[in-house]
Amino acid sequence: MSKHEFFFKMATTPDEFEQIHRLNYQTFSEEIPQHQKNEEQKLVDPFHAENTYIICIKENEVIGMTAIRDNRPFSLDRKIGLVEQSLSFPIHSPCEVRLLSVKKEYRNGRVFLGLAQFLIKYCIKKGYDIAFISGTLRQLKLYGQLGFQPFAQLTGTDEALFQPMYLTKETFDESIAGRILPPTIPFLPGPVQISDKVMAALSNTPISHRSDLYIEKLDKTKGMLAKLVNSKYVHIFLGSGTLANDVVAGQLSLETGRGLILANGEFGSRLVEQANRFGLPFDVLQKDWGQAFTRDEIISKLTKDTSWIWAVHSETSSGMLNDLDLLKEISKQHQLKLCLDCISSLGAIEVDLEGVFLATGVSGKAIRALTGLSFVFHHHEVQPSLTLPKYLDLGTYMAKDSIPFSQSSNLLEALLAALENINRDTFEKVVETHSFLKNQLKQFGFTIICEQNSSPIILTIEIPSSISSALIGDILYNHGYQLHYESDYLQRRNWIQIACIDHYDKADLEKMANLLNRVISYEQNATQALVNGN
């Protein structure tokens, strides 16, 4: 994106609001004689304090805008009575769109289209099911192309007549603007885009988890999972990765001796919490987020009573890839049982679990199936325990004569279909995407967390402290790029993450990176101008 192109955002700065008031005046006092002219050539909307403004920015200029509010009564309520009374269908969460305006020299359709597309994504995320607008008769064709539908009687004066109109997700999807809106591209560690093949498998008629056909499919799926990571056994649980890690904690509670948990990020800290909840005896090697563990540090924490180590392979919270070979080597040398959280790495990079005591994974991240299934891998025989909760007892799942608990055949079939798509090319594509994006971001001067020890699964960017990472993430989302920024642990550090585990076109990667750079540069300049102005 060149500096001469435009982008859309929510207005946040005094300068943006000042420009909004002037554009409001130009459109609704000078061009459409809805309001009186004044010497200031500014028009402050009476609902300004309640409005959220979506604006189009070219360089530092506001060239288009619209406003959204959800407080009742709407301006249309005051003109035609409650809008619900003029509709033939129920509404639940309405909003009002007002002040749709674009400077004359930019009325080629692109800005209106962009405002409408940004608007619909914003409304969906906010949970609105319908938006109302008073459309000037001069632009009814344009409103129709954006998906707005007329209803009720005209309002206004002979000099400025308006048609009440509404917009829903359905009317937008059927409009010209909706038909050319590209789908949102997720850059999340999960969920990811689901292929048609996987969705078709999910839609198969459910079958009993006791049936021979289900057992056949389960055995095939477990065989593919075990082969994927070089493990002798794997068991599938109906639940998230936290459940699988609780199963590991349960098995560790049956071990003698103390443990050592390695924590250099959010998910290492969660292992500590889960171990505490099980009352496990253990020590912790704690490092700053994104800092690698060294051999000497790990060995220095071992005692004569240490019998197991538990760590996260790919620490998603920072983008850190912990050294699996080092952990294996230390565990073998000191006769320790190594346990791994491979939830983020499974299916994204090559993982060899030879020599690993217990490891966990899930269906809904890089494997690209649906969230809902988790796995525990191991090489040794496990006997049932009378002291563990039955659902968390790995030994319960070892029985060969039955399946102990209800399972979803639909999730299993989706997982099986996804596993059939994983091969060496999948891993190479992740590395290629990561390398391409990393180079793009470095050229723009971004600070990348874990640049030296980064996992190819995800990139973590530090946003300048003067700018809100949530603001940047919201802007990118409403442009159709869903970055990872909403987790509390990221917002506390003002970080944004870009996952690389999906299938992307290079053109989309370039557009996303360029837009990210353009938006951050604009927000930095706006913040600096505000500081200088003070």
Protein backbone atom coordinates (compact mmCIF):
# COMPACT_ATOMS: atom_id res chain seq x y z
CA MET A 1 0.00 0.00 0.00
CA SER A 2 1.50 3.30 -1.05
CA LYS A 3 1.23 6.38 1.06
CA HIS A 4 -1.30 7.78 -1.43
CA GLU A 5 -3.84 4.99 -0.86
CA PHE A 6 -6.47 5.14 1.82
CA PHE A 7 -7.57 2.97 4.71
CA PHE A 8 -10.44 2.90 7.19
CA LYS A 9 -10.48 3.16 10.97
CA MET A 10 -12.50 4.32 13.96
CA ALA A 11 -11.92 8.00 14.74
CA THR A 12 -9.94 8.50 17.95
CA THR A 13 -7.98 11.77 17.79
CA PRO A 14 -9.03 15.42 18.22
CA ASP A 15 -7.80 16.22 14.71
CA GLU A 16 -9.94 13.45 13.23
CA PHE A 17 -13.02 14.73 15.07
CA GLU A 18 -12.30 18.28 13.91
CA GLN A 19 -12.17 17.05 10.32
CA ILE A 20 -15.38 15.08 10.86
CA HIS A 21 -17.22 18.22 11.97
CA ARG A 22 -16.01 20.08 8.86
CA LEU A 23 -16.97 17.26 6.48
CA ASN A 24 -20.33 17.06 8.23
CA TYR A 25 -20.84 20.77 7.53
CA GLN A 26 -19.74 20.53 3.90
CA THR A 27 -22.18 17.70 3.22
CA PHE A 28 -25.24 18.48 5.35
CA SER A 29 -25.17 22.30 5.44
CA GLU A 30 -23.65 23.32 2.11
CA GLU A 31 -24.38 20.44 -0.27
CA ILE A 32 -27.60 19.08 1.27
CA PRO A 33 -29.43 21.96 2.96
CA GLN A 34 -30.42 19.98 6.01
CA HIS A 35 -28.78 22.35 8.53
CA GLN A 36 -28.11 26.08 8.67
CA LYS A 37 -24.79 27.47 7.46
CA ASN A 38 -22.43 29.14 9.93
CA GLU A 39 -19.20 31.14 9.89
CA GLU A 40 -17.18 28.38 11.56
CA GLN A 41 -18.08 25.97 8.75
CA LYS A 42 -18.35 23.21 11.32
CA LEU A 43 -21.33 21.04 12.18
CA VAL A 44 -21.20 19.04 15.41
CA ASP A 45 -23.73 16.23 15.35
CA PRO A 46 -26.20 16.38 18.26
CA PHE A 47 -25.35 12.75 19.04
CA HIS A 48 -21.61 13.30 18.75
CA ALA A 49 -20.88 12.04 22.28
CA GLU A 50 -22.70 8.77 21.54
CA ASN A 51 -21.34 8.22 18.04
CA THR A 52 -18.64 5.83 16.93
CA TYR A 53 -17.21 7.22 13.69
CA ILE A 54 -15.79 5.07 10.91
CA ILE A 55 -13.58 7.22 8.73
CA CYS A 56 -11.54 6.87 5.57
CA ILE A 57 -8.02 8.28 5.76
CA LYS A 58 -5.86 9.35 2.84
CA GLU A 59 -2.47 10.43 4.14
CA ASN A 60 -3.64 12.60 7.08
CA GLU A 61 -6.97 13.68 5.60
CA VAL A 62 -10.44 12.41 6.49
CA ILE A 63 -12.05 11.93 3.08
CA GLY A 64 -15.09 9.88 4.10
CA MET A 65 -17.06 9.00 7.19
CA THR A 66 -20.13 7.48 8.76
CA ALA A 67 -21.34 7.34 12.36
CA ILE A 68 -22.91 4.51 14.37
CA ARG A 69 -24.87 4.70 17.60
CA ASP A 70 -27.09 2.23 19.44
CA ASN A 71 -28.79 4.44 22.04
CA ARG A 72 -32.54 4.77 21.66
CA PRO A 73 -34.46 6.67 20.54
CA PHE A 74 -32.82 6.78 17.12
CA SER A 75 -33.21 9.91 15.03
CA LEU A 76 -35.51 7.81 12.81
CA ASP A 77 -37.60 6.88 15.88
CA ARG A 78 -38.27 10.60 16.34
CA LYS A 79 -39.33 11.00 12.70
CA ILE A 80 -41.46 7.90 11.98
CA GLY A 81 -42.10 6.40 15.41
CA LEU A 82 -40.36 3.25 16.65
CA VAL A 83 -38.69 1.69 13.63
CA GLU A 84 -39.88 -1.79 14.69
CA GLN A 85 -43.46 -0.75 13.95
CA SER A 86 -42.65 -0.23 10.28
CA LEU A 87 -41.00 -3.63 9.80
CA SER A 88 -42.58 -7.02 9.15
CA PHE A 89 -39.87 -8.99 11.00
CA PRO A 90 -38.48 -8.90 14.54
CA ILE A 91 -35.22 -7.17 15.43
CA HIS A 92 -33.11 -7.72 18.54
CA SER A 93 -29.95 -5.59 18.55
CA PRO A 94 -30.32 -2.55 16.27
CA CYS A 95 -28.02 0.37 15.60
CA GLU A 96 -28.35 3.56 13.61
CA VAL A 97 -25.99 4.65 10.85
CA ARG A 98 -25.82 8.36 10.17
CA LEU A 99 -23.72 10.99 8.42
CA LEU A 100 -22.58 8.79 5.52
CA SER A 101 -20.47 11.24 3.59
CA VAL A 102 -17.54 11.30 1.18
CA LYS A 103 -15.72 14.33 -0.19
CA LYS A 104 -16.81 15.08 -3.75
CA GLU A 105 -13.45 14.37 -5.38
CA TYR A 106 -13.41 10.83 -3.96
CA ARG A 107 -16.92 9.73 -4.93
CA ASN A 108 -15.81 7.05 -7.33
CA GLY A 109 -17.47 4.31 -5.28
CA ARG A 110 -14.37 2.89 -3.63
CA VAL A 111 -14.65 4.94 -0.47
CA PHE A 112 -18.39 4.28 -0.08
CA LEU A 113 -17.75 0.59 -0.69
CA GLY A 114 -14.94 0.51 1.86
CA LEU A 115 -17.03 2.29 4.47
CA ALA A 116 -19.87 -0.21 3.95
CA GLN A 117 -17.58 -3.23 4.17
CA PHE A 118 -15.85 -1.87 7.27
CA LEU A 119 -19.28 -1.05 8.73
CA ILE A 120 -20.68 -4.55 8.27
CA LYS A 121 -17.65 -6.19 9.93
CA TYR A 122 -17.85 -3.72 12.80
CA CYS A 123 -21.58 -4.36 13.29
CA ILE A 124 -21.17 -8.14 13.23
CA LYS A 125 -18.40 -8.00 15.80
CA LYS A 126 -20.51 -5.73 18.02
CA GLY A 127 -23.46 -8.12 17.73
CA TYR A 128 -25.87 -5.78 15.88
CA ASP A 129 -28.41 -7.58 13.68
CA ILE A 130 -29.75 -4.55 11.78
CA ALA A 131 -28.63 -0.98 10.99
CA PHE A 132 -30.95 1.91 10.08
CA ILE A 133 -30.16 4.97 8.00
CA SER A 134 -31.92 8.00 6.50
CA GLY A 135 -30.75 7.89 2.90
CA THR A 136 -30.80 11.04 0.81
CA LEU A 137 -32.91 10.61 -2.33
CA ARG A 138 -29.91 11.80 -4.36
CA GLN A 139 -28.01 8.58 -3.56
CA LEU A 140 -30.69 5.85 -3.37
CA LYS A 141 -28.99 3.80 -6.10
CA LEU A 142 -25.71 3.88 -4.19
CA TYR A 143 -27.42 2.87 -0.94
CA GLY A 144 -29.02 -0.04 -2.74
CA GLN A 145 -25.65 -1.19 -4.06
CA LEU A 146 -24.41 -1.22 -0.46
CA GLY A 147 -27.34 -3.42 0.62
CA PHE A 148 -29.67 -0.87 2.23
CA GLN A 149 -33.39 -1.57 1.74
CA PRO A 150 -36.12 1.13 1.83
CA PHE A 151 -39.02 1.03 4.29
CA ALA A 152 -41.58 3.45 5.78
CA GLN A 153 -42.43 6.92 4.45
CA LEU A 154 -40.08 9.70 3.35
CA THR A 155 -38.88 12.21 5.94
CA GLY A 156 -37.33 15.69 5.77
CA THR A 157 -38.24 18.74 3.68
CA ASP A 158 -38.73 19.32 -0.03
CA GLU A 159 -35.16 20.62 -0.20
CA ALA A 160 -33.75 17.61 1.68
CA LEU A 161 -35.86 14.45 1.48
CA PHE A 162 -34.68 11.21 3.05
CA GLN A 163 -35.73 7.58 2.68
CA PRO A 164 -35.64 5.40 5.82
CA MET A 165 -33.58 2.29 5.00
CA TYR A 166 -32.21 -0.75 6.80
CA LEU A 167 -29.18 -3.01 6.35
CA THR A 168 -28.79 -6.58 7.62
CA LYS A 169 -26.10 -9.18 7.10
CA GLU A 170 -28.40 -10.89 4.60
CA THR A 171 -29.18 -7.77 2.55
CA PHE A 172 -25.49 -6.84 2.53
CA ASP A 173 -24.42 -10.31 1.38
CA GLU A 174 -26.88 -10.09 -1.53
CA SER A 175 -25.72 -6.61 -2.56
CA ILE A 176 -22.95 -5.66 -4.97
CA ALA A 177 -20.79 -4.59 -2.01
CA GLY A 178 -21.39 -7.89 -0.23
CA ARG A 179 -20.71 -10.07 -3.25
CA ILE A 180 -17.28 -8.55 -3.79
CA LEU A 181 -16.29 -8.50 -0.10
CA PRO A 182 -13.41 -10.95 0.30
CA PRO A 183 -13.64 -13.35 3.26
CA THR A 184 -11.79 -12.48 6.45
CA ILE A 185 -8.30 -13.98 6.45
CA PRO A 186 -7.39 -15.37 9.89
CA PHE A 187 -3.82 -15.02 11.16
CA LEU A 188 -4.69 -16.81 14.40
CA PRO A 189 -3.00 -19.72 16.15
CA GLY A 190 -6.52 -21.17 16.19
CA PRO A 191 -9.12 -21.47 14.90
CA VAL A 192 -7.88 -21.54 11.33
CA GLN A 193 -9.63 -21.72 7.98
CA ILE A 194 -11.36 -25.06 7.59
CA SER A 195 -11.21 -26.75 4.18
CA ASP A 196 -14.32 -27.84 2.31
CA LYS A 197 -13.14 -31.43 2.67
CA VAL A 198 -13.01 -31.17 6.45
CA MET A 199 -16.39 -29.40 6.64
CA ALA A 200 -17.93 -32.09 4.45
CA ALA A 201 -16.58 -34.77 6.77
CA LEU A 202 -18.01 -32.90 9.76
CA SER A 203 -21.44 -32.96 8.12
CA ASN A 204 -21.61 -36.73 7.79
CA THR A 205 -24.46 -38.49 9.57
CA PRO A 206 -23.37 -39.21 13.17
CA ILE A 207 -22.61 -42.80 14.04
CA SER A 208 -22.42 -44.54 17.40
CA HIS A 209 -19.06 -44.42 19.15
CA ARG A 210 -19.69 -48.10 20.02
CA SER A 211 -20.03 -49.19 16.39
CA ASP A 212 -17.44 -51.18 14.47
CA LEU A 213 -17.27 -48.41 11.87
CA TYR A 214 -16.45 -45.80 14.51
CA ILE A 215 -13.78 -48.02 16.05
CA GLU A 216 -12.28 -48.54 12.60
CA LYS A 217 -12.14 -44.78 11.99
CA LEU A 218 -10.76 -44.16 15.48
CA ASP A 219 -7.98 -46.69 15.00
CA LYS A 220 -7.08 -45.18 11.63
CA THR A 221 -6.98 -41.66 13.10
CA LYS A 222 -4.86 -42.73 16.06
CA GLY A 223 -2.48 -44.49 13.72
CA MET A 224 -2.03 -41.35 11.63
CA LEU A 225 -1.52 -39.17 14.72
CA ALA A 226 1.05 -41.56 16.20
CA LYS A 227 2.94 -41.77 12.92
CA LEU A 228 2.93 -38.00 12.59
CA VAL A 229 5.00 -37.57 15.76
CA ASN A 230 6.73 -40.98 16.06
CA SER A 231 4.76 -42.14 19.09
CA LYS A 232 3.67 -45.66 20.00
CA TYR A 233 0.33 -44.71 21.57
CA VAL A 234 -2.10 -41.82 21.37
CA HIS A 235 -5.49 -41.38 22.99
CA ILE A 236 -8.16 -38.91 21.92
CA PHE A 237 -10.19 -36.91 24.44
CA LEU A 238 -13.37 -34.91 23.93
CA GLY A 239 -12.14 -31.56 25.25
CA SER A 240 -9.56 -28.81 24.87
CA GLY A 241 -5.80 -28.84 25.30
CA THR A 242 -6.24 -27.91 28.95
CA LEU A 243 -7.99 -31.23 29.46
CA ALA A 244 -5.10 -33.11 27.84
CA ASN A 245 -2.60 -31.30 30.08
CA ASP A 246 -4.72 -32.19 33.11
CA VAL A 247 -4.47 -35.83 32.02
CA VAL A 248 -0.67 -35.43 32.00
CA ALA A 249 -0.77 -33.81 35.44
CA GLY A 250 -2.82 -36.76 36.65
CA GLN A 251 -0.22 -39.22 35.42
CA LEU A 252 2.57 -37.18 37.03
CA SER A 253 0.71 -37.35 40.34
CA LEU A 254 1.34 -41.10 40.26
CA GLU A 255 5.10 -40.62 39.85
CA THR A 256 7.62 -40.52 42.69
CA GLY A 257 10.10 -37.69 43.12
CA ARG A 258 9.85 -34.03 42.22
CA GLY A 259 9.29 -32.32 38.92
CA LEU A 260 10.78 -29.32 37.13
CA ILE A 261 8.48 -27.08 35.08
CA LEU A 262 9.99 -24.69 32.55
CA ALA A 263 8.02 -21.46 32.12
CA ASN A 264 8.96 -18.65 29.74
CA GLY A 265 5.49 -17.57 28.65
CA GLU A 266 1.79 -17.71 29.35
CA PHE A 267 1.39 -21.40 28.62
CA GLY A 268 4.36 -22.47 30.70
CA SER A 269 2.76 -20.56 33.55
CA ARG A 270 -0.47 -22.45 32.94
CA LEU A 271 1.41 -25.73 33.36
CA VAL A 272 2.56 -24.44 36.73
CA GLU A 273 -1.04 -23.67 37.68
CA GLN A 274 -2.27 -27.09 36.57
CA ALA A 275 0.52 -28.82 38.50
CA ASN A 276 -0.38 -26.82 41.60
CA ARG A 277 -4.04 -27.79 41.29
CA PHE A 278 -2.99 -31.45 41.31
CA GLY A 279 -0.74 -30.88 44.30
CA LEU A 280 2.36 -32.04 42.45
CA PRO A 281 5.78 -31.55 44.09
CA PHE A 282 7.90 -29.52 41.67
CA ASP A 283 10.35 -26.68 41.14
CA VAL A 284 10.04 -23.97 38.49
CA LEU A 285 12.63 -22.52 36.15
CA GLN A 286 11.07 -19.15 35.35
CA LYS A 287 12.43 -16.90 32.60
CA ASP A 288 11.21 -13.70 31.00
CA TRP A 289 8.82 -14.19 28.14
CA GLY A 290 10.70 -14.99 24.95
CA GLN A 291 13.97 -15.88 26.70
CA ALA A 292 15.50 -19.26 25.84
CA PHE A 293 16.42 -21.83 28.47
CA THR A 294 20.10 -22.77 28.51
CA ARG A 295 21.55 -26.16 29.34
CA ASP A 296 23.30 -24.82 32.45
CA GLU A 297 20.13 -23.15 33.75
CA ILE A 298 18.10 -26.33 33.43
CA ILE A 299 20.75 -28.56 34.97
CA SER A 300 21.27 -26.13 37.85
CA LYS A 301 17.61 -26.57 38.84
CA LEU A 302 17.81 -30.36 38.97
CA THR A 303 18.11 -32.09 42.34
CA LYS A 304 18.63 -35.69 43.37
CA ASP A 305 14.84 -35.96 43.73
CA THR A 306 13.97 -34.59 40.27
CA SER A 307 12.25 -37.30 38.24
CA TRP A 308 10.36 -35.40 35.50
CA ILE A 309 10.43 -32.22 33.39
CA TRP A 310 7.37 -30.53 31.91
CA ALA A 311 7.65 -27.80 29.26
CA VAL A 312 5.89 -26.12 26.37
CA HIS A 313 7.39 -26.89 22.96
CA SER A 314 6.11 -23.86 21.01
CA GLU A 315 5.30 -21.07 23.48
CA THR A 316 2.60 -19.28 21.49
CA SER A 317 2.33 -16.31 23.84
CA SER A 318 5.73 -14.95 22.75
CA GLY A 319 6.51 -16.90 19.59
CA MET A 320 9.30 -18.80 21.33
CA LEU A 321 10.30 -22.28 20.14
CA ASN A 322 11.90 -24.13 23.02
CA ASP A 323 14.73 -26.49 22.11
CA LEU A 324 13.24 -29.98 21.99
CA ASP A 325 16.55 -31.69 21.24
CA LEU A 326 18.15 -30.03 24.26
CA LEU A 327 15.29 -31.13 26.52
CA LYS A 328 15.52 -34.69 25.22
CA GLU A 329 19.28 -34.77 25.73
CA ILE A 330 19.11 -33.49 29.31
CA SER A 331 16.24 -35.84 30.16
CA LYS A 332 18.11 -38.84 28.79
CA GLN A 333 21.38 -37.89 30.49
CA HIS A 334 19.71 -37.44 33.91
CA GLN A 335 17.12 -40.21 33.48
CA LEU A 336 14.17 -37.84 33.68
CA LYS A 337 10.70 -38.32 32.24
CA LEU A 338 10.08 -35.53 29.73
CA CYS A 339 6.54 -34.21 29.25
CA LEU A 340 5.67 -31.71 26.52
CA ASP A 341 2.83 -29.40 25.61
CA CYS A 342 2.87 -29.66 21.80
CA ILE A 343 -0.52 -28.03 21.36
CA SER A 344 0.74 -25.28 19.05
CA SER A 345 3.49 -27.18 17.27
CA LEU A 346 1.57 -30.33 16.35
CA GLY A 347 0.78 -30.26 12.64
CA ALA A 348 2.75 -27.06 11.99
CA ILE A 349 6.33 -28.27 12.23
CA GLU A 350 8.03 -31.65 12.43
CA VAL A 351 7.76 -33.07 15.94
CA ASP A 352 9.58 -36.27 16.97
CA LEU A 353 8.39 -37.61 20.32
CA GLU A 354 10.94 -40.40 20.58
CA GLY A 355 12.17 -40.38 24.16
CA VAL A 356 9.25 -38.25 25.38
CA PHE A 357 7.22 -39.64 28.28
CA LEU A 358 3.93 -37.77 27.70
CA ALA A 359 2.92 -35.10 25.19
CA THR A 360 -0.29 -33.27 24.31
CA GLY A 361 -1.90 -31.87 21.17
CA VAL A 362 -5.24 -30.66 19.84
CA SER A 363 -7.36 -30.87 16.71
CA GLY A 364 -8.19 -27.19 16.27
CA LYS A 365 -4.90 -25.43 15.59
CA ALA A 366 -2.30 -26.33 12.97
CA ILE A 367 -3.89 -29.70 12.20
CA ARG A 368 -6.72 -27.56 10.79
CA ALA A 369 -9.63 -29.65 12.01
CA LEU A 370 -12.34 -28.41 14.36
CA THR A 371 -11.69 -27.44 17.97
CA GLY A 372 -12.98 -30.00 20.45
CA LEU A 373 -10.58 -32.95 20.48
CA SER A 374 -7.29 -33.25 22.34
CA PHE A 375 -4.60 -35.90 22.42
CA VAL A 376 -2.11 -37.48 24.80
CA PHE A 377 0.86 -39.30 23.25
CA HIS A 378 3.05 -41.84 25.05
CA HIS A 379 5.23 -44.92 24.47
CA HIS A 380 4.64 -46.93 27.64
CA GLU A 381 1.75 -49.08 28.79
CA VAL A 382 -0.51 -47.26 31.23
CA GLN A 383 -2.62 -49.04 33.82
CA PRO A 384 -5.90 -47.61 35.15
CA SER A 385 -5.69 -45.81 38.50
CA LEU A 386 -8.26 -45.91 41.27
CA THR A 387 -7.15 -42.51 42.62
CA LEU A 388 -7.61 -40.35 39.50
CA PRO A 389 -10.92 -38.98 38.22
CA LYS A 390 -12.00 -41.58 35.68
CA TYR A 391 -12.31 -39.18 32.74
CA LEU A 392 -8.75 -37.92 33.39
CA ASP A 393 -7.25 -41.38 33.84
CA LEU A 394 -5.11 -42.17 30.82
CA GLY A 395 -5.14 -45.85 31.77
CA THR A 396 -8.91 -45.96 31.30
CA TYR A 397 -8.40 -45.26 27.59
CA MET A 398 -5.92 -48.12 27.16
CA ALA A 399 -8.60 -50.81 27.31
CA LYS A 400 -8.82 -52.53 23.94
CA ASP A 401 -12.27 -54.04 24.32
CA SER A 402 -14.32 -50.84 24.50
CA ILE A 403 -14.40 -47.05 24.19
CA PRO A 404 -14.91 -45.76 27.76
CA PHE A 405 -16.82 -42.51 27.11
CA SER A 406 -19.12 -40.94 24.51
CA GLN A 407 -17.29 -39.31 21.63
CA SER A 408 -18.29 -37.28 18.56
CA SER A 409 -18.04 -39.16 15.28
CA ASN A 410 -18.39 -35.85 13.43
CA LEU A 411 -15.34 -34.30 15.10
CA LEU A 412 -13.43 -37.53 14.55
CA GLU A 413 -14.24 -37.64 10.84
CA ALA A 414 -13.26 -33.99 10.45
CA LEU A 415 -9.96 -34.74 12.21
CA LEU A 416 -9.32 -37.72 9.98
CA ALA A 417 -9.94 -35.63 6.86
CA ALA A 418 -7.58 -32.91 8.13
CA LEU A 419 -4.81 -35.38 8.92
CA GLU A 420 -4.92 -36.66 5.35
CA ASN A 421 -3.88 -33.17 4.20
CA ILE A 422 -0.75 -32.95 6.38
CA ASN A 423 2.61 -33.73 4.77
CA ARG A 424 6.12 -32.35 4.53
CA ASP A 425 4.89 -29.62 2.17
CA THR A 426 2.63 -28.42 5.00
CA PHE A 427 5.63 -27.84 7.29
CA GLU A 428 7.64 -26.18 4.54
CA LYS A 429 4.76 -23.81 3.79
CA VAL A 430 4.65 -22.68 7.43
CA VAL A 431 8.38 -21.95 7.42
CA GLU A 432 8.10 -20.14 4.10
CA THR A 433 5.23 -17.96 5.29
CA HIS A 434 7.05 -17.14 8.52
CA SER A 435 10.25 -16.21 6.71
CA PHE A 436 8.44 -14.04 4.16
CA LEU A 437 6.44 -12.14 6.79
CA LYS A 438 9.42 -11.76 9.09
CA ASN A 439 11.42 -10.12 6.30
CA GLN A 440 8.51 -7.84 5.42
CA LEU A 441 8.06 -6.71 9.02
CA LYS A 442 11.78 -6.17 9.58
CA GLN A 443 11.91 -3.95 6.49
CA PHE A 444 9.23 -1.79 8.09
CA GLY A 445 11.30 -1.57 11.28
CA PHE A 446 8.99 -3.55 13.56
CA THR A 447 10.34 -4.97 16.82
CA ILE A 448 9.93 -8.75 16.66
CA ILE A 449 9.85 -10.68 19.92
CA CYS A 450 11.99 -13.86 19.91
CA GLU A 451 13.66 -12.97 16.64
CA GLN A 452 16.60 -15.29 17.37
CA ASN A 453 14.64 -18.26 18.74
CA SER A 454 11.31 -17.73 17.05
CA SER A 455 8.91 -20.51 16.25
CA PRO A 456 7.90 -20.54 12.57
CA ILE A 457 4.34 -20.95 13.83
CA ILE A 458 3.78 -17.35 14.91
CA LEU A 459 5.34 -13.87 14.83
CA THR A 460 5.02 -11.49 17.77
CA ILE A 461 5.27 -7.74 17.22
CA GLU A 462 5.76 -5.13 19.90
CA ILE A 463 3.50 -2.15 19.25
CA PRO A 464 4.86 1.28 20.30
CA SER A 465 3.63 2.16 23.78
CA SER A 466 1.92 5.32 22.56
CA ILE A 467 -0.49 3.23 20.48
CA SER A 468 -3.04 0.66 21.62
CA SER A 469 -2.45 -2.80 20.17
CA ALA A 470 -6.20 -3.40 20.48
CA LEU A 471 -6.89 -0.36 18.28
CA ILE A 472 -4.49 -1.64 15.62
CA GLY A 473 -5.98 -5.13 15.81
CA ASP A 474 -9.52 -3.77 15.46
CA ILE A 475 -8.59 -1.75 12.38
CA LEU A 476 -6.94 -4.73 10.70
CA TYR A 477 -9.91 -6.95 11.60
CA ASN A 478 -12.41 -4.57 10.05
CA HIS A 479 -10.24 -4.55 6.93
CA GLY A 480 -10.53 -8.33 6.73
CA TYR A 481 -7.31 -9.44 8.47
CA GLN A 482 -7.84 -11.17 11.81
CA LEU A 483 -4.62 -10.91 13.80
CA HIS A 484 -4.12 -12.36 17.27
CA TYR A 485 -4.46 -9.47 19.72
CA GLU A 486 -7.51 -9.94 21.94
CA SER A 487 -5.97 -12.21 24.58
CA ASP A 488 -5.39 -10.45 27.89
CA TYR A 489 -1.76 -11.55 28.07
CA LEU A 490 -1.06 -9.87 24.71
CA GLN A 491 -2.90 -6.65 25.50
CA ARG A 492 -1.03 -6.32 28.80
CA ARG A 493 2.21 -6.24 26.82
CA ASN A 494 0.81 -4.28 23.86
CA TRP A 495 1.76 -7.11 21.49
CA ILE A 496 0.14 -8.29 18.29
CA GLN A 497 0.71 -11.72 16.80
CA ILE A 498 0.53 -13.07 13.26
CA ALA A 499 0.18 -16.82 12.98
CA CYS A 500 1.70 -18.54 9.94
CA ILE A 501 -0.03 -21.93 10.08
CA ASP A 502 -2.78 -21.30 7.54
CA HIS A 503 -2.57 -21.33 3.75
CA TYR A 504 -1.95 -17.84 2.37
CA ASP A 505 -1.31 -16.19 -0.98
CA LYS A 506 1.77 -13.98 -1.00
CA ALA A 507 -0.35 -11.12 -2.30
CA ASP A 508 -2.51 -11.31 0.82
CA LEU A 509 0.56 -11.43 3.06
CA GLU A 510 1.97 -8.32 1.38
CA LYS A 511 -1.33 -6.44 1.61
CA MET A 512 -1.73 -7.29 5.28
CA ALA A 513 1.86 -6.32 6.16
CA ASN A 514 1.63 -3.08 4.20
CA LEU A 515 -1.67 -2.15 5.80
CA LEU A 516 -0.30 -2.93 9.26
CA ASN A 517 2.67 -0.66 8.61
CA ARG A 518 0.47 2.09 7.16
CA VAL A 519 -1.92 2.03 10.11
CA ILE A 520 0.81 2.01 12.77
CA SER A 521 2.72 4.80 11.01
CA TYR A 522 -0.44 6.91 10.80
CA GLU A 523 -1.29 6.35 14.47
CA GLN A 524 2.27 7.19 15.52
CA ASN A 525 2.19 10.42 13.54
CA ALA A 526 -1.22 11.32 14.94
CA THR A 527 -0.01 10.72 18.48
CA GLN A 528 3.14 12.75 17.90
CA ALA A 529 1.12 15.62 16.40
CA LEU A 530 -1.09 15.61 19.48
CA VAL A 531 1.96 15.74 21.76
CA ASN A 532 3.50 18.57 19.73
CA GLY A 533 0.20 20.42 19.75
CA ASN A 534 0.16 20.35 23.51
